Amino acid sequence: LTAVKTSDKDAVSAADEKDDNPPKEEPWEKALKTTVVDMEVGEFHGHKVSVWDLLHSKYIPEENRKELLELYQGGVLTLEQVKTVVSTIVTKAEAARAEHVANASSPKAESTVTEDEDTDLQED
């Protein structure tokens, strides 16, 4: 019984300590995390995604992310502008990826061109 009481007491005090010192979140960071975009492409299709999550997705290269965050923190870009930029980047990147996949999966077009070229060469 004593061990159980001690464990409970430790768990409570650990939880209290955690609540006393919540991680400080900057207002600009909170705004990025609470502003959501309704995305219709890729892994985000049909989901509301925070601007923060879009910024940290595979679609935004690290150097672009750093630049956007600096411009936003410096007041050069508004939250709405950051939202527009990241959703545009994600949409274009996903469209390019989908087009690449579609082109890569249709070798028939390439073989037809090659056969036509071979025929032309033989006629000469």
PDB file of N, CA and C in Angstrom:
ATOM      1  N   LEU A   1       0.822  -1.205   0.000  1.00  0.00           N
ATOM      2  CA  LEU A   1       0.000   0.000   0.000  1.00  0.00           C
ATOM      3  C   LEU A   1       0.853   1.250   0.000  1.00  0.00           C
ATOM      4  N   THR A   2       1.899   1.256   0.789  1.00  0.00           N
ATOM      5  CA  THR A   2       2.753   2.435   0.874  1.00  0.00           C
ATOM      6  C   THR A   2       3.368   2.748  -0.485  1.00  0.00           C
ATOM      7  N   ALA A   3       3.805   1.708  -1.180  1.00  0.00           N
ATOM      8  CA  ALA A   3       4.418   1.907  -2.498  1.00  0.00           C
ATOM      9  C   ALA A   3       3.414   2.530  -3.464  1.00  0.00           C
ATOM     10  N   VAL A   4       2.162   2.089  -3.383  1.00  0.00           N
ATOM     11  CA  VAL A   4       1.141   2.630  -4.271  1.00  0.00           C
ATOM     12  C   VAL A   4       0.922   4.105  -3.976  1.00  0.00           C
ATOM     13  N   LYS A   5       0.832   4.459  -2.681  1.00  0.00           N
ATOM     14  CA  LYS A   5       0.636   5.859  -2.307  1.00  0.00           C
ATOM     15  C   LYS A   5       1.811   6.701  -2.781  1.00  0.00           C
ATOM     16  N   THR A   6       3.012   6.213  -2.615  1.00  0.00           N
ATOM     17  CA  THR A   6       4.198   6.955  -3.037  1.00  0.00           C
ATOM     18  C   THR A   6       4.167   7.177  -4.547  1.00  0.00           C
ATOM     19  N   SER A   7       3.799   6.138  -5.291  1.00  0.00           N
ATOM     20  CA  SER A   7       3.735   6.255  -6.747  1.00  0.00           C
ATOM     21  C   SER A   7       2.705   7.302  -7.149  1.00  0.00           C
ATOM     22  N   ASP A   8       1.530   7.260  -6.499  1.00  0.00           N
ATOM     23  CA  ASP A   8       0.491   8.239  -6.816  1.00  0.00           C
ATOM     24  C   ASP A   8       0.989   9.644  -6.530  1.00  0.00           C
ATOM     25  N   LYS A   9       1.649   9.810  -5.390  1.00  0.00           N
ATOM     26  CA  LYS A   9       2.139  11.117  -4.989  1.00  0.00           C
ATOM     27  C   LYS A   9       3.172  11.620  -6.003  1.00  0.00           C
ATOM     28  N   ASP A  10       4.081  10.745  -6.418  1.00  0.00           N
ATOM     29  CA  ASP A  10       5.095  11.112  -7.408  1.00  0.00           C
ATOM     30  C   ASP A  10       4.453  11.500  -8.740  1.00  0.00           C
ATOM     31  N   ALA A  11       3.459  10.741  -9.149  1.00  0.00           N
ATOM     32  CA  ALA A  11       2.788  11.013 -10.420  1.00  0.00           C
ATOM     33  C   ALA A  11       2.098  12.372 -10.363  1.00  0.00           C
ATOM     34  N   VAL A  12       1.456  12.675  -9.244  1.00  0.00           N
ATOM     35  CA  VAL A  12       0.757  13.952  -9.098  1.00  0.00           C
ATOM     36  C   VAL A  12       1.748  15.102  -9.112  1.00  0.00           C
ATOM     37  N   SER A  13       2.843  14.980  -8.358  1.00  0.00           N
ATOM     38  CA  SER A  13       3.798  16.074  -8.308  1.00  0.00           C
ATOM     39  C   SER A  13       4.478  16.268  -9.663  1.00  0.00           C
ATOM     40  N   ALA A  14       4.724  15.194 -10.397  1.00  0.00           N
ATOM     41  CA  ALA A  14       5.317  15.303 -11.723  1.00  0.00           C
ATOM     42  C   ALA A  14       4.353  16.023 -12.665  1.00  0.00           C
ATOM     43  N   ALA A  15       3.067  15.704 -12.564  1.00  0.00           N
ATOM     44  CA  ALA A  15       2.069  16.360 -13.401  1.00  0.00           C
ATOM     45  C   ALA A  15       1.961  17.836 -13.047  1.00  0.00           C
ATOM     46  N   ASP A  16       2.018  18.151 -11.743  1.00  0.00           N
ATOM     47  CA  ASP A  16       1.952  19.541 -11.310  1.00  0.00           C
ATOM     48  C   ASP A  16       3.128  20.336 -11.862  1.00  0.00           C
ATOM     49  N   GLU A  17       4.309  19.763 -11.787  1.00  0.00           N
ATOM     50  CA  GLU A  17       5.492  20.449 -12.296  1.00  0.00           C
ATOM     51  C   GLU A  17       5.353  20.725 -13.785  1.00  0.00           C
ATOM     52  N   LYS A  18       4.810  19.779 -14.502  1.00  0.00           N
ATOM     53  CA  LYS A  18       4.640  19.933 -15.936  1.00  0.00           C
ATOM     54  C   LYS A  18       3.695  21.099 -16.234  1.00  0.00           C
ATOM     55  N   ASP A  19       2.598  21.194 -15.489  1.00  0.00           N
ATOM     56  CA  ASP A  19       1.616  22.251 -15.701  1.00  0.00           C
ATOM     57  C   ASP A  19       2.167  23.621 -15.317  1.00  0.00           C
ATOM     58  N   ASP A  20       3.074  23.668 -14.338  1.00  0.00           N
ATOM     59  CA  ASP A  20       3.620  24.945 -13.895  1.00  0.00           C
ATOM     60  C   ASP A  20       4.513  25.586 -14.963  1.00  0.00           C
ATOM     61  N   ASN A  21       5.157  24.780 -15.775  1.00  0.00           N
ATOM     62  CA  ASN A  21       6.077  25.300 -16.777  1.00  0.00           C
ATOM     63  C   ASN A  21       5.711  24.845 -18.185  1.00  0.00           C
ATOM     64  N   PRO A  22       4.597  25.342 -18.716  1.00  0.00           N
ATOM     65  CA  PRO A  22       4.252  24.924 -20.075  1.00  0.00           C
ATOM     66  C   PRO A  22       5.278  25.512 -21.052  1.00  0.00           C
ATOM     67  N   PRO A  23       5.540  24.817 -22.140  1.00  0.00           N
ATOM     68  CA  PRO A  23       6.503  25.373 -23.100  1.00  0.00           C
ATOM     69  C   PRO A  23       5.974  26.693 -23.647  1.00  0.00           C
ATOM     70  N   LYS A  24       6.841  27.663 -23.735  1.00  0.00           N
ATOM     71  CA  LYS A  24       6.428  28.982 -24.236  1.00  0.00           C
ATOM     72  C   LYS A  24       6.241  28.895 -25.746  1.00  0.00           C
ATOM     73  N   GLU A  25       5.056  29.292 -26.201  1.00  0.00           N
ATOM     74  CA  GLU A  25       4.790  29.287 -27.639  1.00  0.00           C
ATOM     75  C   GLU A  25       4.640  30.731 -28.087  1.00  0.00           C
ATOM     76  N   GLU A  26       5.431  31.090 -29.062  1.00  0.00           N
ATOM     77  CA  GLU A  26       5.384  32.456 -29.578  1.00  0.00           C
ATOM     78  C   GLU A  26       4.021  32.713 -30.233  1.00  0.00           C
ATOM     79  N   PRO A  27       3.528  33.959 -30.164  1.00  0.00           N
ATOM     80  CA  PRO A  27       2.236  34.273 -30.792  1.00  0.00           C
ATOM     81  C   PRO A  27       2.215  33.954 -32.293  1.00  0.00           C
ATOM     82  N   TRP A  28       3.314  34.230 -32.985  1.00  0.00           N
ATOM     83  CA  TRP A  28       3.359  33.953 -34.430  1.00  0.00           C
ATOM     84  C   TRP A  28       3.281  32.451 -34.694  1.00  0.00           C
ATOM     85  N   GLU A  29       3.917  31.664 -33.814  1.00  0.00           N
ATOM     86  CA  GLU A  29       3.909  30.206 -33.971  1.00  0.00           C
ATOM     87  C   GLU A  29       2.496  29.670 -33.718  1.00  0.00           C
ATOM     88  N   LYS A  30       1.855  30.195 -32.683  1.00  0.00           N
ATOM     89  CA  LYS A  30       0.489  29.770 -32.357  1.00  0.00           C
ATOM     90  C   LYS A  30      -0.458  30.096 -33.513  1.00  0.00           C
ATOM     91  N   ALA A  31      -0.267  31.259 -34.127  1.00  0.00           N
ATOM     92  CA  ALA A  31      -1.116  31.650 -35.252  1.00  0.00           C
ATOM     93  C   ALA A  31      -0.962  30.675 -36.419  1.00  0.00           C
ATOM     94  N   LEU A  32       0.280  30.262 -36.688  1.00  0.00           N
ATOM     95  CA  LEU A  32       0.517  29.307 -37.777  1.00  0.00           C
ATOM     96  C   LEU A  32      -0.101  27.947 -37.475  1.00  0.00           C
ATOM     97  N   LYS A  33      -0.087  27.560 -36.199  1.00  0.00           N
ATOM     98  CA  LYS A  33      -0.613  26.252 -35.810  1.00  0.00           C
ATOM     99  C   LYS A  33      -2.143  26.231 -35.759  1.00  0.00           C
ATOM    100  N   THR A  34      -2.759  27.388 -35.520  1.00  0.00           N
ATOM    101  CA  THR A  34      -4.225  27.424 -35.394  1.00  0.00           C
ATOM    102  C   THR A  34      -4.935  27.843 -36.675  1.00  0.00           C
ATOM    103  N   THR A  35      -4.182  28.342 -37.657  1.00  0.00           N
ATOM    104  CA  THR A  35      -4.782  28.718 -38.938  1.00  0.00           C
ATOM    105  C   THR A  35      -4.758  27.500 -39.848  1.00  0.00           C
ATOM    106  N   VAL A  36      -5.935  27.102 -40.320  1.00  0.00           N
ATOM    107  CA  VAL A  36      -6.007  25.889 -41.137  1.00  0.00           C
ATOM    108  C   VAL A  36      -6.389  26.190 -42.573  1.00  0.00           C
ATOM    109  N   VAL A  37      -5.948  25.315 -43.449  1.00  0.00           N
ATOM    110  CA  VAL A  37      -6.232  25.405 -44.874  1.00  0.00           C
ATOM    111  C   VAL A  37      -6.919  24.101 -45.271  1.00  0.00           C
ATOM    112  N   ASP A  38      -7.933  24.203 -46.102  1.00  0.00           N
ATOM    113  CA  ASP A  38      -8.622  23.014 -46.600  1.00  0.00           C
ATOM    114  C   ASP A  38      -7.911  22.600 -47.881  1.00  0.00           C
ATOM    115  N   MET A  39      -7.091  21.552 -47.797  1.00  0.00           N
ATOM    116  CA  MET A  39      -6.283  21.128 -48.939  1.00  0.00           C
ATOM    117  C   MET A  39      -7.010  20.038 -49.730  1.00  0.00           C
ATOM    118  N   GLU A  40      -6.854  20.094 -51.044  1.00  0.00           N
ATOM    119  CA  GLU A  40      -7.521  19.119 -51.917  1.00  0.00           C
ATOM    120  C   GLU A  40      -6.522  18.297 -52.723  1.00  0.00           C
ATOM    121  N   VAL A  41      -5.276  18.219 -52.249  1.00  0.00           N
ATOM    122  CA  VAL A  41      -4.261  17.468 -53.001  1.00  0.00           C
ATOM    123  C   VAL A  41      -3.442  16.562 -52.093  1.00  0.00           C
ATOM    124  N   GLY A  42      -2.868  15.541 -52.725  1.00  0.00           N
ATOM    125  CA  GLY A  42      -1.898  14.685 -52.054  1.00  0.00           C
ATOM    126  C   GLY A  42      -2.384  14.061 -50.768  1.00  0.00           C
ATOM    127  N   GLU A  43      -1.448  13.907 -49.847  1.00  0.00           N
ATOM    128  CA  GLU A  43      -1.750  13.260 -48.571  1.00  0.00           C
ATOM    129  C   GLU A  43      -2.719  14.084 -47.723  1.00  0.00           C
ATOM    130  N   PHE A  44      -2.899  15.355 -48.055  1.00  0.00           N
ATOM    131  CA  PHE A  44      -3.785  16.235 -47.286  1.00  0.00           C
ATOM    132  C   PHE A  44      -5.191  16.306 -47.875  1.00  0.00           C
ATOM    133  N   HIS A  45      -5.436  15.588 -48.973  1.00  0.00           N
ATOM    134  CA  HIS A  45      -6.717  15.663 -49.684  1.00  0.00           C
ATOM    135  C   HIS A  45      -7.902  15.511 -48.736  1.00  0.00           C
ATOM    136  N   GLY A  46      -8.781  16.525 -48.771  1.00  0.00           N
ATOM    137  CA  GLY A  46     -10.001  16.467 -47.981  1.00  0.00           C
ATOM    138  C   GLY A  46      -9.820  16.750 -46.502  1.00  0.00           C
ATOM    139  N   HIS A  47      -8.633  17.212 -46.117  1.00  0.00           N
ATOM    140  CA  HIS A  47      -8.374  17.501 -44.709  1.00  0.00           C
ATOM    141  C   HIS A  47      -8.105  18.982 -44.501  1.00  0.00           C
ATOM    142  N   LYS A  48      -8.424  19.424 -43.312  1.00  0.00           N
ATOM    143  CA  LYS A  48      -8.020  20.773 -42.910  1.00  0.00           C
ATOM    144  C   LYS A  48      -6.659  20.615 -42.246  1.00  0.00           C
ATOM    145  N   VAL A  49      -5.691  21.353 -42.745  1.00  0.00           N
ATOM    146  CA  VAL A  49      -4.317  21.221 -42.275  1.00  0.00           C
ATOM    147  C   VAL A  49      -3.829  22.582 -41.814  1.00  0.00           C
ATOM    148  N   SER A  50      -3.106  22.616 -40.693  1.00  0.00           N
ATOM    149  CA  SER A  50      -2.594  23.894 -40.217  1.00  0.00           C
ATOM    150  C   SER A  50      -1.487  24.388 -41.138  1.00  0.00           C
ATOM    151  N   VAL A  51      -1.334  25.701 -41.199  1.00  0.00           N
ATOM    152  CA  VAL A  51      -0.268  26.299 -41.989  1.00  0.00           C
ATOM    153  C   VAL A  51       1.082  25.781 -41.477  1.00  0.00           C
ATOM    154  N   TRP A  52       1.190  25.600 -40.163  1.00  0.00           N
ATOM    155  CA  TRP A  52       2.411  25.070 -39.545  1.00  0.00           C
ATOM    156  C   TRP A  52       2.751  23.684 -40.117  1.00  0.00           C
ATOM    157  N   ASP A  53       1.734  22.801 -40.182  1.00  0.00           N
ATOM    158  CA  ASP A  53       1.962  21.451 -40.705  1.00  0.00           C
ATOM    159  C   ASP A  53       2.337  21.480 -42.188  1.00  0.00           C
ATOM    160  N   LEU A  54       1.721  22.379 -42.940  1.00  0.00           N
ATOM    161  CA  LEU A  54       2.071  22.502 -44.361  1.00  0.00           C
ATOM    162  C   LEU A  54       3.516  22.979 -44.509  1.00  0.00           C
ATOM    163  N   LEU A  55       3.886  23.963 -43.690  1.00  0.00           N
ATOM    164  CA  LEU A  55       5.257  24.479 -43.730  1.00  0.00           C
ATOM    165  C   LEU A  55       6.278  23.391 -43.447  1.00  0.00           C
ATOM    166  N   HIS A  56       5.922  22.464 -42.563  1.00  0.00           N
ATOM    167  CA  HIS A  56       6.850  21.402 -42.161  1.00  0.00           C
ATOM    168  C   HIS A  56       6.601  20.088 -42.905  1.00  0.00           C
ATOM    169  N   SER A  57       5.848  20.163 -44.006  1.00  0.00           N
ATOM    170  CA  SER A  57       5.584  18.950 -44.784  1.00  0.00           C
ATOM    171  C   SER A  57       6.722  18.709 -45.771  1.00  0.00           C
ATOM    172  N   LYS A  58       6.680  17.545 -46.401  1.00  0.00           N
ATOM    173  CA  LYS A  58       7.713  17.167 -47.374  1.00  0.00           C
ATOM    174  C   LYS A  58       7.686  18.064 -48.610  1.00  0.00           C
ATOM    175  N   TYR A  59       6.617  18.813 -48.788  1.00  0.00           N
ATOM    176  CA  TYR A  59       6.467  19.635 -49.982  1.00  0.00           C
ATOM    177  C   TYR A  59       7.258  20.947 -49.917  1.00  0.00           C
ATOM    178  N   ILE A  60       7.583  21.387 -48.713  1.00  0.00           N
ATOM    179  CA  ILE A  60       8.279  22.669 -48.543  1.00  0.00           C
ATOM    180  C   ILE A  60       9.739  22.397 -48.188  1.00  0.00           C
ATOM    181  N   PRO A  61      10.665  22.723 -49.091  1.00  0.00           N
ATOM    182  CA  PRO A  61      12.082  22.518 -48.774  1.00  0.00           C
ATOM    183  C   PRO A  61      12.493  23.363 -47.562  1.00  0.00           C
ATOM    184  N   GLU A  62      13.462  22.864 -46.803  1.00  0.00           N
ATOM    185  CA  GLU A  62      13.861  23.521 -45.560  1.00  0.00           C
ATOM    186  C   GLU A  62      14.246  24.981 -45.767  1.00  0.00           C
ATOM    187  N   GLU A  63      14.984  25.280 -46.840  1.00  0.00           N
ATOM    188  CA  GLU A  63      15.415  26.666 -47.055  1.00  0.00           C
ATOM    189  C   GLU A  63      14.216  27.581 -47.318  1.00  0.00           C
ATOM    190  N   ASN A  64      13.212  27.082 -48.035  1.00  0.00           N
ATOM    191  CA  ASN A  64      11.993  27.872 -48.266  1.00  0.00           C
ATOM    192  C   ASN A  64      11.248  28.104 -46.957  1.00  0.00           C
ATOM    193  N   ARG A  65      11.157  27.046 -46.134  1.00  0.00           N
ATOM    194  CA  ARG A  65      10.470  27.150 -44.855  1.00  0.00           C
ATOM    195  C   ARG A  65      11.127  28.216 -43.984  1.00  0.00           C
ATOM    196  N   LYS A  66      12.458  28.180 -43.891  1.00  0.00           N
ATOM    197  CA  LYS A  66      13.189  29.155 -43.073  1.00  0.00           C
ATOM    198  C   LYS A  66      12.945  30.570 -43.575  1.00  0.00           C
ATOM    199  N   GLU A  67      12.998  30.738 -44.898  1.00  0.00           N
ATOM    200  CA  GLU A  67      12.785  32.063 -45.480  1.00  0.00           C
ATOM    201  C   GLU A  67      11.375  32.576 -45.189  1.00  0.00           C
ATOM    202  N   LEU A  68      10.381  31.718 -45.376  1.00  0.00           N
ATOM    203  CA  LEU A  68       8.995  32.124 -45.107  1.00  0.00           C
ATOM    204  C   LEU A  68       8.799  32.491 -43.635  1.00  0.00           C
ATOM    205  N   LEU A  69       9.368  31.690 -42.737  1.00  0.00           N
ATOM    206  CA  LEU A  69       9.241  31.975 -41.305  1.00  0.00           C
ATOM    207  C   LEU A  69       9.918  33.288 -40.943  1.00  0.00           C
ATOM    208  N   GLU A  70      11.086  33.539 -41.516  1.00  0.00           N
ATOM    209  CA  GLU A  70      11.785  34.807 -41.241  1.00  0.00           C
ATOM    210  C   GLU A  70      10.974  35.995 -41.733  1.00  0.00           C
ATOM    211  N   LEU A  71      10.440  35.895 -42.953  1.00  0.00           N
ATOM    212  CA  LEU A  71       9.642  36.989 -43.512  1.00  0.00           C
ATOM    213  C   LEU A  71       8.374  37.224 -42.708  1.00  0.00           C
ATOM    214  N   TYR A  72       7.767  36.133 -42.241  1.00  0.00           N
ATOM    215  CA  TYR A  72       6.553  36.249 -41.434  1.00  0.00           C
ATOM    216  C   TYR A  72       6.861  36.861 -40.075  1.00  0.00           C
ATOM    217  N   GLN A  73       7.898  36.348 -39.410  1.00  0.00           N
ATOM    218  CA  GLN A  73       8.281  36.878 -38.090  1.00  0.00           C
ATOM    219  C   GLN A  73       8.704  38.338 -38.190  1.00  0.00           C
ATOM    220  N   GLY A  74       9.326  38.709 -39.295  1.00  0.00           N
ATOM    221  CA  GLY A  74       9.793  40.083 -39.485  1.00  0.00           C
ATOM    222  C   GLY A  74       8.699  41.043 -39.912  1.00  0.00           C
ATOM    223  N   GLY A  75       7.495  40.520 -40.117  1.00  0.00           N
ATOM    224  CA  GLY A  75       6.377  41.382 -40.488  1.00  0.00           C
ATOM    225  C   GLY A  75       6.311  41.703 -41.974  1.00  0.00           C
ATOM    226  N   VAL A  76       7.164  41.091 -42.788  1.00  0.00           N
ATOM    227  CA  VAL A  76       7.150  41.326 -44.225  1.00  0.00           C
ATOM    228  C   VAL A  76       5.940  40.642 -44.863  1.00  0.00           C
ATOM    229  N   LEU A  77       5.655  39.414 -44.408  1.00  0.00           N
ATOM    230  CA  LEU A  77       4.494  38.676 -44.893  1.00  0.00           C
ATOM    231  C   LEU A  77       3.427  38.602 -43.805  1.00  0.00           C
ATOM    232  N   THR A  78       2.162  38.702 -44.226  1.00  0.00           N
ATOM    233  CA  THR A  78       1.065  38.518 -43.278  1.00  0.00           C
ATOM    234  C   THR A  78       0.773  37.024 -43.167  1.00  0.00           C
ATOM    235  N   LEU A  79      -0.008  36.647 -42.171  1.00  0.00           N
ATOM    236  CA  LEU A  79      -0.413  35.254 -42.000  1.00  0.00           C
ATOM    237  C   LEU A  79      -1.154  34.772 -43.243  1.00  0.00           C
ATOM    238  N   GLU A  80      -2.004  35.619 -43.783  1.00  0.00           N
ATOM    239  CA  GLU A  80      -2.783  35.257 -44.979  1.00  0.00           C
ATOM    240  C   GLU A  80      -1.858  35.013 -46.170  1.00  0.00           C
ATOM    241  N   GLN A  81      -0.797  35.815 -46.293  1.00  0.00           N
ATOM    242  CA  GLN A  81       0.154  35.624 -47.395  1.00  0.00           C
ATOM    243  C   GLN A  81       0.933  34.313 -47.236  1.00  0.00           C
ATOM    244  N   VAL A  82       1.346  34.012 -46.009  1.00  0.00           N
ATOM    245  CA  VAL A  82       2.058  32.753 -45.757  1.00  0.00           C
ATOM    246  C   VAL A  82       1.144  31.582 -46.096  1.00  0.00           C
ATOM    247  N   LYS A  83      -0.106  31.680 -45.673  1.00  0.00           N
ATOM    248  CA  LYS A  83      -1.104  30.631 -45.941  1.00  0.00           C
ATOM    249  C   LYS A  83      -1.242  30.408 -47.448  1.00  0.00           C
ATOM    250  N   THR A  84      -1.342  31.491 -48.203  1.00  0.00           N
ATOM    251  CA  THR A  84      -1.486  31.397 -49.656  1.00  0.00           C
ATOM    252  C   THR A  84      -0.242  30.793 -50.294  1.00  0.00           C
ATOM    253  N   VAL A  85       0.935  31.249 -49.868  1.00  0.00           N
ATOM    254  CA  VAL A  85       2.187  30.761 -50.448  1.00  0.00           C
ATOM    255  C   VAL A  85       2.359  29.262 -50.201  1.00  0.00           C
ATOM    256  N   VAL A  86       2.182  28.819 -48.949  1.00  0.00           N
ATOM    257  CA  VAL A  86       2.409  27.392 -48.663  1.00  0.00           C
ATOM    258  C   VAL A  86       1.361  26.510 -49.341  1.00  0.00           C
ATOM    259  N   SER A  87       0.118  26.948 -49.386  1.00  0.00           N
ATOM    260  CA  SER A  87      -0.880  26.100 -50.043  1.00  0.00           C
ATOM    261  C   SER A  87      -0.619  26.043 -51.548  1.00  0.00           C
ATOM    262  N   THR A  88      -0.128  27.134 -52.138  1.00  0.00           N
ATOM    263  CA  THR A  88       0.216  27.134 -53.567  1.00  0.00           C
ATOM    264  C   THR A  88       1.396  26.205 -53.833  1.00  0.00           C
ATOM    265  N   ILE A  89       2.435  26.279 -52.995  1.00  0.00           N
ATOM    266  CA  ILE A  89       3.609  25.415 -53.163  1.00  0.00           C
ATOM    267  C   ILE A  89       3.193  23.946 -53.072  1.00  0.00           C
ATOM    268  N   VAL A  90       2.399  23.613 -52.071  1.00  0.00           N
ATOM    269  CA  VAL A  90       1.966  22.220 -51.884  1.00  0.00           C
ATOM    270  C   VAL A  90       1.141  21.765 -53.091  1.00  0.00           C
ATOM    271  N   THR A  91       0.223  22.594 -53.548  1.00  0.00           N
ATOM    272  CA  THR A  91      -0.637  22.245 -54.688  1.00  0.00           C
ATOM    273  C   THR A  91       0.198  22.017 -55.947  1.00  0.00           C
ATOM    274  N   LYS A  92       1.138  22.944 -56.224  1.00  0.00           N
ATOM    275  CA  LYS A  92       1.973  22.816 -57.430  1.00  0.00           C
ATOM    276  C   LYS A  92       2.906  21.613 -57.327  1.00  0.00           C
ATOM    277  N   ALA A  93       3.487  21.397 -56.156  1.00  0.00           N
ATOM    278  CA  ALA A  93       4.400  20.264 -55.976  1.00  0.00           C
ATOM    279  C   ALA A  93       3.658  18.944 -56.173  1.00  0.00           C
ATOM    280  N   GLU A  94       2.458  18.854 -55.644  1.00  0.00           N
ATOM    281  CA  GLU A  94       1.671  17.629 -55.781  1.00  0.00           C
ATOM    282  C   GLU A  94       1.235  17.430 -57.232  1.00  0.00           C
ATOM    283  N   ALA A  95       0.890  18.515 -57.924  1.00  0.00           N
ATOM    284  CA  ALA A  95       0.499  18.412 -59.332  1.00  0.00           C
ATOM    285  C   ALA A  95       1.684  17.941 -60.172  1.00  0.00           C
ATOM    286  N   ALA A  96       2.868  18.469 -59.898  1.00  0.00           N
ATOM    287  CA  ALA A  96       4.076  18.063 -60.626  1.00  0.00           C
ATOM    288  C   ALA A  96       4.395  16.593 -60.349  1.00  0.00           C
ATOM    289  N   ARG A  97       4.236  16.184 -59.099  1.00  0.00           N
ATOM    290  CA  ARG A  97       4.502  14.792 -58.727  1.00  0.00           C
ATOM    291  C   ARG A  97       3.515  13.862 -59.444  1.00  0.00           C
ATOM    292  N   ALA A  98       2.253  14.231 -59.451  1.00  0.00           N
ATOM    293  CA  ALA A  98       1.222  13.410 -60.090  1.00  0.00           C
ATOM    294  C   ALA A  98       1.486  13.310 -61.592  1.00  0.00           C
ATOM    295  N   GLU A  99       1.901  14.418 -62.204  1.00  0.00           N
ATOM    296  CA  GLU A  99       2.194  14.415 -63.642  1.00  0.00           C
ATOM    297  C   GLU A  99       3.399  13.528 -63.934  1.00  0.00           C
ATOM    298  N   HIS A 100       4.412  13.608 -63.083  1.00  0.00           N
ATOM    299  CA  HIS A 100       5.614  12.787 -63.246  1.00  0.00           C
ATOM    300  C   HIS A 100       5.258  11.299 -63.146  1.00  0.00           C
ATOM    301  N   VAL A 101       4.433  10.967 -62.164  1.00  0.00           N
ATOM    302  CA  VAL A 101       4.010   9.574 -61.988  1.00  0.00           C
ATOM    303  C   VAL A 101       3.221   9.112 -63.205  1.00  0.00           C
ATOM    304  N   ALA A 102       2.339   9.958 -63.722  1.00  0.00           N
ATOM    305  CA  ALA A 102       1.536   9.603 -64.892  1.00  0.00           C
ATOM    306  C   ALA A 102       2.434   9.387 -66.109  1.00  0.00           C
ATOM    307  N   ASN A 103       3.417  10.254 -66.300  1.00  0.00           N
ATOM    308  CA  ASN A 103       4.336  10.121 -67.439  1.00  0.00           C
ATOM    309  C   ASN A 103       5.217   8.884 -67.296  1.00  0.00           C
ATOM    310  N   ALA A 104       5.661   8.612 -66.110  1.00  0.00           N
ATOM    311  CA  ALA A 104       6.541   7.470 -65.870  1.00  0.00           C
ATOM    312  C   ALA A 104       5.806   6.145 -66.050  1.00  0.00           C
ATOM    313  N   SER A 105       4.506   6.151 -65.817  1.00  0.00           N
ATOM    314  CA  SER A 105       3.753   4.893 -65.891  1.00  0.00           C
ATOM    315  C   SER A 105       3.176   4.630 -67.277  1.00  0.00           C
ATOM    316  N   SER A 106       3.527   5.466 -68.274  1.00  0.00           N
ATOM    317  CA  SER A 106       3.007   5.219 -69.622  1.00  0.00           C
ATOM    318  C   SER A 106       4.165   5.038 -70.606  1.00  0.00           C
ATOM    319  N   PRO A 107       4.847   3.904 -70.550  1.00  0.00           N
ATOM    320  CA  PRO A 107       5.974   3.663 -71.468  1.00  0.00           C
ATOM    321  C   PRO A 107       5.519   3.433 -72.910  1.00  0.00           C
ATOM    322  N   LYS A 108       4.226   3.192 -73.111  1.00  0.00           N
ATOM    323  CA  LYS A 108       3.715   2.958 -74.462  1.00  0.00           C
ATOM    324  C   LYS A 108       3.994   4.149 -75.370  1.00  0.00           C
ATOM    325  N   ALA A 109       3.819   5.359 -74.863  1.00  0.00           N
ATOM    326  CA  ALA A 109       4.046   6.564 -75.661  1.00  0.00           C
ATOM    327  C   ALA A 109       5.492   6.612 -76.128  1.00  0.00           C
ATOM    328  N   GLU A 110       6.425   6.294 -75.273  1.00  0.00           N
ATOM    329  CA  GLU A 110       7.840   6.308 -75.630  1.00  0.00           C
ATOM    330  C   GLU A 110       8.146   5.241 -76.671  1.00  0.00           C
ATOM    331  N   SER A 111       7.645   4.027 -76.490  1.00  0.00           N
ATOM    332  CA  SER A 111       7.962   2.950 -77.429  1.00  0.00           C
ATOM    333  C   SER A 111       7.349   3.237 -78.800  1.00  0.00           C
ATOM    334  N   THR A 112       6.197   3.890 -78.845  1.00  0.00           N
ATOM    335  CA  THR A 112       5.578   4.227 -80.121  1.00  0.00           C
ATOM    336  C   THR A 112       6.455   5.207 -80.872  1.00  0.00           C
ATOM    337  N   VAL A 113       6.955   6.210 -80.200  1.00  0.00           N
ATOM    338  CA  VAL A 113       7.830   7.205 -80.812  1.00  0.00           C
ATOM    339  C   VAL A 113       9.087   6.523 -81.330  1.00  0.00           C
ATOM    340  N   THR A 114       9.683   5.659 -80.524  1.00  0.00           N
ATOM    341  CA  THR A 114      10.896   4.958 -80.915  1.00  0.00           C
ATOM    342  C   THR A 114      10.658   4.114 -82.162  1.00  0.00           C
ATOM    343  N   GLU A 115       9.542   3.389 -82.213  1.00  0.00           N
ATOM    344  CA  GLU A 115       9.232   2.560 -83.374  1.00  0.00           C
ATOM    345  C   GLU A 115       9.059   3.421 -84.623  1.00  0.00           C
ATOM    346  N   ASP A 116       8.382   4.565 -84.479  1.00  0.00           N
ATOM    347  CA  ASP A 116       8.188   5.467 -85.616  1.00  0.00           C
ATOM    348  C   ASP A 116       9.525   5.976 -86.122  1.00  0.00           C
ATOM    349  N   GLU A 117      10.416   6.331 -85.210  1.00  0.00           N
ATOM    350  CA  GLU A 117      11.740   6.830 -85.593  1.00  0.00           C
ATOM    351  C   GLU A 117      12.504   5.737 -86.325  1.00  0.00           C
ATOM    352  N   ASP A 118      12.458   4.520 -85.846  1.00  0.00           N
ATOM    353  CA  ASP A 118      13.148   3.398 -86.475  1.00  0.00           C
ATOM    354  C   ASP A 118      12.622   3.210 -87.891  1.00  0.00           C
ATOM    355  N   THR A 119      11.329   3.295 -88.069  1.00  0.00           N
ATOM    356  CA  THR A 119      10.718   3.120 -89.391  1.00  0.00           C
ATOM    357  C   THR A 119      11.204   4.206 -90.333  1.00  0.00           C
ATOM    358  N   ASP A 120      11.233   5.459 -89.844  1.00  0.00           N
ATOM    359  CA  ASP A 120      11.694   6.584 -90.676  1.00  0.00           C
ATOM    360  C   ASP A 120      13.141   6.353 -91.100  1.00  0.00           C
ATOM    361  N   LEU A 121      13.978   5.906 -90.185  1.00  0.00           N
ATOM    362  CA  LEU A 121      15.380   5.685 -90.495  1.00  0.00           C
ATOM    363  C   LEU A 121      15.550   4.594 -91.535  1.00  0.00           C
ATOM    364  N   GLN A 122      14.760   3.559 -91.470  1.00  0.00           N
ATOM    365  CA  GLN A 122      14.872   2.450 -92.406  1.00  0.00           C
ATOM    366  C   GLN A 122      14.438   2.881 -93.817  1.00  0.00           C
ATOM    367  N   GLU A 123      13.479   3.798 -93.886  1.00  0.00           N
ATOM    368  CA  GLU A 123      13.003   4.257 -95.194  1.00  0.00           C
ATOM    369  C   GLU A 123      14.070   5.064 -95.895  1.00  0.00           C
ATOM    370  N   ASP A 124      14.869   5.814 -95.134  1.00  0.00           N
ATOM    371  CA  ASP A 124      15.927   6.631 -95.735  1.00  0.00           C
ATOM    372  C   ASP A 124      16.945   5.708 -96.333  1.00  0.00           C
TER     373      ASP A 124
END
